[in-house]
Amino acid sequence: MSLKKASLLIILILIIDQVSKFYIKTNFALGDEIRVFDWFRILFVENEGMAWGAKIPGEYGKIILTSFRLVAIVGIAYWLWDSVRKNSATELIVAVSLIFAGAFGNIIDSVFYGEIFSHSYNQIAAFLPEEGGYGTLMHGKVVDMLYFPLWSGYLPEWIPFWGGDYFTFFEPVFNVADSAITIGVLLLIIFNKKAFSHEKEEEKKEAVGN
């Protein structure tokens, strides 16, 4: 797979991700929900930190997290470029492209959204508000909206620790960028042997040469 095709895939995912986030941010207030089906809803939430809502505490926690993401995206970009250069398996290049696109999509939120949007508490956010955004550069929140509560109910009493508790599966709210990262990681797991076969052959050749 060529770098041009990988780039087109990344651009497509970024467009879908950012258009969906822009629409949600400028048409929903925080907590607004559209029930598409019982098991699928559009629910607007914002994530200040990492996956599952985890975040680094402290005044500089957000800057540290965003900086880490920026460093990571450079590493992923090199991985993609190197995979294309080595003519690696298509599965590997597609997977890395998906991971790169997803990571980059969420970085855009983290870096810029605090500057370009007003807050969404009890109101619909304004794009490029005259009074300034809800945060500063590097302090944006990631927009999430895809919610799949496939099952909700009380767990049987015999289940250890959680027995009798109300439980929802699947509870996390995510976005297109998160989906791209998840699919990319799953591709690496499912097609592990095929994805990394080229690298293993190169290692064998180097070992024989030495």
Protein backbone atom coordinates (compact mmCIF):
# COMPACT_ATOMS: atom_id res chain seq x y z
CA MET A 1 0.00 0.00 0.00
CA SER A 2 1.40 3.38 -1.01
CA LEU A 3 1.86 6.39 1.22
CA LYS A 4 -0.61 8.28 -1.00
CA LYS A 5 -3.38 5.76 -0.34
CA ALA A 6 -2.56 5.70 3.37
CA SER A 7 -2.73 9.51 3.43
CA LEU A 8 -6.13 9.50 1.69
CA LEU A 9 -7.45 7.06 4.30
CA ILE A 10 -6.15 9.29 7.10
CA ILE A 11 -7.67 12.43 5.55
CA LEU A 12 -11.05 10.71 5.09
CA ILE A 13 -11.17 9.61 8.73
CA LEU A 14 -10.08 13.05 9.94
CA ILE A 15 -12.81 14.75 7.88
CA ILE A 16 -15.54 12.42 9.20
CA ASP A 17 -14.23 12.78 12.75
CA GLN A 18 -13.97 16.56 12.76
CA VAL A 19 -17.23 17.18 10.87
CA SER A 20 -19.11 14.98 13.35
CA LYS A 21 -17.50 16.75 16.32
CA PHE A 22 -18.15 20.20 14.87
CA TYR A 23 -21.81 19.31 14.29
CA ILE A 24 -22.24 17.98 17.84
CA LYS A 25 -20.43 20.92 19.42
CA THR A 26 -22.52 23.51 17.53
CA ASN A 27 -25.91 21.76 17.81
CA PHE A 28 -25.89 20.07 21.23
CA ALA A 29 -25.47 21.24 24.80
CA LEU A 30 -23.58 18.92 27.14
CA GLY A 31 -25.76 15.95 28.02
CA ASP A 32 -28.14 16.37 25.09
CA GLU A 33 -29.14 13.03 23.62
CA ILE A 34 -30.87 11.62 20.55
CA ARG A 35 -32.16 8.07 20.90
CA VAL A 36 -31.63 6.42 17.50
CA PHE A 37 -32.39 2.94 18.83
CA ASP A 38 -32.63 1.59 22.37
CA TRP A 39 -29.09 0.26 21.93
CA PHE A 40 -27.62 3.26 20.06
CA ARG A 41 -27.78 6.91 21.04
CA ILE A 42 -26.06 10.17 20.14
CA LEU A 43 -25.00 11.58 23.52
CA PHE A 44 -22.80 14.66 23.80
CA VAL A 45 -20.09 14.44 26.44
CA GLU A 46 -16.62 15.94 26.68
CA ASN A 47 -13.53 14.09 27.80
CA GLU A 48 -10.85 16.14 29.58
CA GLY A 49 -8.34 13.33 29.73
CA MET A 50 -7.47 9.95 28.36
CA ALA A 51 -9.58 6.91 27.52
CA TRP A 52 -12.38 6.10 29.96
CA GLY A 53 -12.26 9.68 31.21
CA ALA A 54 -9.00 9.21 33.14
CA LYS A 55 -6.87 12.32 33.49
CA ILE A 56 -3.57 13.47 34.94
CA PRO A 57 -4.24 15.55 38.07
CA GLY A 58 -2.68 18.91 38.76
CA GLU A 59 -2.42 22.30 37.11
CA TYR A 60 -0.21 21.05 34.31
CA GLY A 61 -1.83 17.64 33.88
CA LYS A 62 -3.65 18.61 30.68
CA ILE A 63 -0.49 20.11 29.13
CA ILE A 64 1.49 16.98 30.01
CA LEU A 65 -1.17 14.76 28.46
CA THR A 66 -1.45 16.82 25.26
CA SER A 67 2.35 17.03 24.95
CA PHE A 68 2.57 13.26 25.31
CA ARG A 69 0.00 12.87 22.55
CA LEU A 70 2.00 15.16 20.26
CA VAL A 71 5.18 13.16 20.85
CA ALA A 72 3.29 9.89 20.31
CA ILE A 73 1.81 11.07 17.00
CA VAL A 74 5.33 11.79 15.70
CA GLY A 75 6.32 8.23 16.58
CA ILE A 76 3.23 6.80 14.87
CA ALA A 77 3.92 8.92 11.78
CA TYR A 78 7.45 7.52 11.58
CA TRP A 79 6.10 4.00 12.02
CA LEU A 80 3.73 4.55 9.11
CA TRP A 81 6.41 6.06 6.88
CA ASP A 82 8.84 3.25 7.72
CA SER A 83 6.20 0.57 7.06
CA VAL A 84 5.47 2.01 3.62
CA ARG A 85 9.19 2.36 2.86
CA LYS A 86 9.75 -1.30 3.73
CA ASN A 87 6.76 -2.34 1.61
CA SER A 88 5.15 -3.97 4.65
CA ALA A 89 1.86 -5.86 4.56
CA THR A 90 -1.23 -3.85 3.63
CA GLU A 91 -2.86 -4.91 6.90
CA LEU A 92 -0.06 -3.28 8.88
CA ILE A 93 -0.15 -0.02 6.90
CA VAL A 94 -3.94 0.21 7.15
CA ALA A 95 -3.83 -0.45 10.90
CA VAL A 96 -1.12 2.16 11.54
CA SER A 97 -2.99 4.66 9.32
CA LEU A 98 -6.16 4.16 11.38
CA ILE A 99 -4.27 4.59 14.65
CA PHE A 100 -2.54 7.71 13.34
CA ALA A 101 -5.80 9.25 12.08
CA GLY A 102 -7.58 8.54 15.36
CA ALA A 103 -4.78 9.92 17.50
CA PHE A 104 -4.47 13.01 15.31
CA GLY A 105 -8.22 13.61 15.41
CA ASN A 106 -8.28 13.69 19.20
CA ILE A 107 -5.14 15.84 19.29
CA ILE A 108 -6.97 18.50 17.25
CA ASP A 109 -9.62 18.65 20.01
CA SER A 110 -7.06 18.77 22.80
CA VAL A 111 -4.93 21.48 21.22
CA PHE A 112 -7.46 23.80 19.54
CA TYR A 113 -11.03 23.29 20.78
CA GLY A 114 -10.52 25.35 23.93
CA GLU A 115 -9.56 28.29 21.74
CA ILE A 116 -12.16 28.04 18.99
CA PHE A 117 -15.33 27.06 20.88
CA SER A 118 -17.23 28.54 23.81
CA HIS A 119 -18.32 26.16 26.59
CA SER A 120 -21.28 23.81 26.22
CA TYR A 121 -22.73 23.91 29.76
CA ASN A 122 -26.49 24.52 29.45
CA GLN A 123 -25.94 26.09 26.03
CA ILE A 124 -24.93 25.32 22.48
CA ALA A 125 -21.33 26.34 21.90
CA ALA A 126 -20.39 29.15 19.54
CA PHE A 127 -17.62 28.70 16.97
CA LEU A 128 -14.91 31.37 17.21
CA PRO A 129 -16.76 33.38 19.90
CA GLU A 130 -15.88 37.06 20.23
CA GLU A 131 -15.29 36.71 23.97
CA GLY A 132 -12.84 33.88 23.42
CA GLY A 133 -13.02 30.13 23.88
CA TYR A 134 -13.68 28.10 27.00
CA GLY A 135 -9.97 27.36 27.44
CA THR A 136 -6.53 28.07 26.10
CA LEU A 137 -4.24 26.38 23.60
CA MET A 138 -3.48 22.78 24.69
CA HIS A 139 -6.43 22.78 27.10
CA GLY A 140 -9.24 21.60 24.81
CA LYS A 141 -11.64 18.78 25.63
CA VAL A 142 -12.26 15.82 23.34
CA VAL A 143 -15.81 15.66 21.97
CA ASP A 144 -17.52 12.26 22.30
CA MET A 145 -20.97 11.30 21.05
CA LEU A 146 -21.34 7.61 20.12
CA TYR A 147 -23.10 5.64 22.86
CA PHE A 148 -24.07 1.97 22.62
CA PRO A 149 -25.86 0.85 25.81
CA LEU A 150 -26.41 -2.67 24.47
CA TRP A 151 -27.79 -3.98 27.76
CA SER A 152 -28.77 -2.45 31.09
CA GLY A 153 -30.06 -4.14 34.20
CA TYR A 154 -29.28 -5.48 37.64
CA LEU A 155 -26.60 -8.14 37.83
CA PRO A 156 -27.42 -11.45 39.57
CA GLU A 157 -26.65 -11.51 43.28
CA TRP A 158 -24.27 -14.47 42.90
CA ILE A 159 -21.72 -12.45 40.86
CA PRO A 160 -18.77 -11.51 43.14
CA PHE A 161 -18.25 -7.82 43.99
CA TRP A 162 -20.84 -6.45 41.52
CA GLY A 163 -23.78 -8.73 42.27
CA GLY A 164 -27.02 -6.77 42.63
CA ASP A 165 -25.55 -3.58 41.09
CA TYR A 166 -27.10 -1.82 38.12
CA PHE A 167 -24.86 -2.38 35.10
CA THR A 168 -24.76 -1.04 31.53
CA PHE A 169 -22.92 -2.76 28.69
CA PHE A 170 -21.42 -0.96 26.72
CA GLU A 171 -21.18 2.23 28.82
CA PRO A 172 -18.30 4.35 27.43
CA VAL A 173 -19.14 7.21 25.04
CA PHE A 174 -16.63 7.59 22.21
CA ASN A 175 -16.07 9.22 18.81
CA VAL A 176 -14.95 8.39 15.27
CA ALA A 177 -11.28 8.91 16.17
CA ASP A 178 -11.55 6.46 19.08
CA SER A 179 -13.21 3.96 16.73
CA ALA A 180 -10.34 4.28 14.24
CA ILE A 181 -7.76 3.63 16.94
CA THR A 182 -9.69 0.61 18.25
CA ILE A 183 -10.12 -0.89 14.77
CA GLY A 184 -6.44 -0.31 14.03
CA VAL A 185 -5.35 -2.11 17.21
CA LEU A 186 -7.77 -4.99 16.51
CA LEU A 187 -6.34 -5.36 13.00
CA LEU A 188 -2.84 -5.64 14.46
CA ILE A 189 -4.04 -8.33 16.85
CA ILE A 190 -6.12 -10.31 14.34
CA PHE A 191 -3.61 -10.12 11.47
CA ASN A 192 -0.52 -10.14 13.66
CA LYS A 193 1.38 -12.83 11.76
CA LYS A 194 0.62 -11.40 8.33
CA ALA A 195 1.12 -7.78 9.37
CA PHE A 196 4.58 -8.37 10.78
CA SER A 197 5.72 -11.15 8.43
CA HIS A 198 7.88 -8.75 6.40
CA GLU A 199 9.67 -7.48 9.51
CA LYS A 200 10.35 -11.04 10.67
CA GLU A 201 11.80 -11.95 7.26
CA GLU A 202 14.08 -8.90 7.38
CA GLU A 203 15.27 -9.90 10.86
CA LYS A 204 16.06 -13.42 9.64
CA LYS A 205 18.03 -12.06 6.68
CA GLU A 206 20.03 -9.76 8.95
CA ALA A 207 20.73 -12.63 11.35
CA VAL A 208 21.96 -14.85 8.48
CA GLY A 209 24.07 -12.00 7.10
CA ASN A 210 25.77 -11.52 10.45
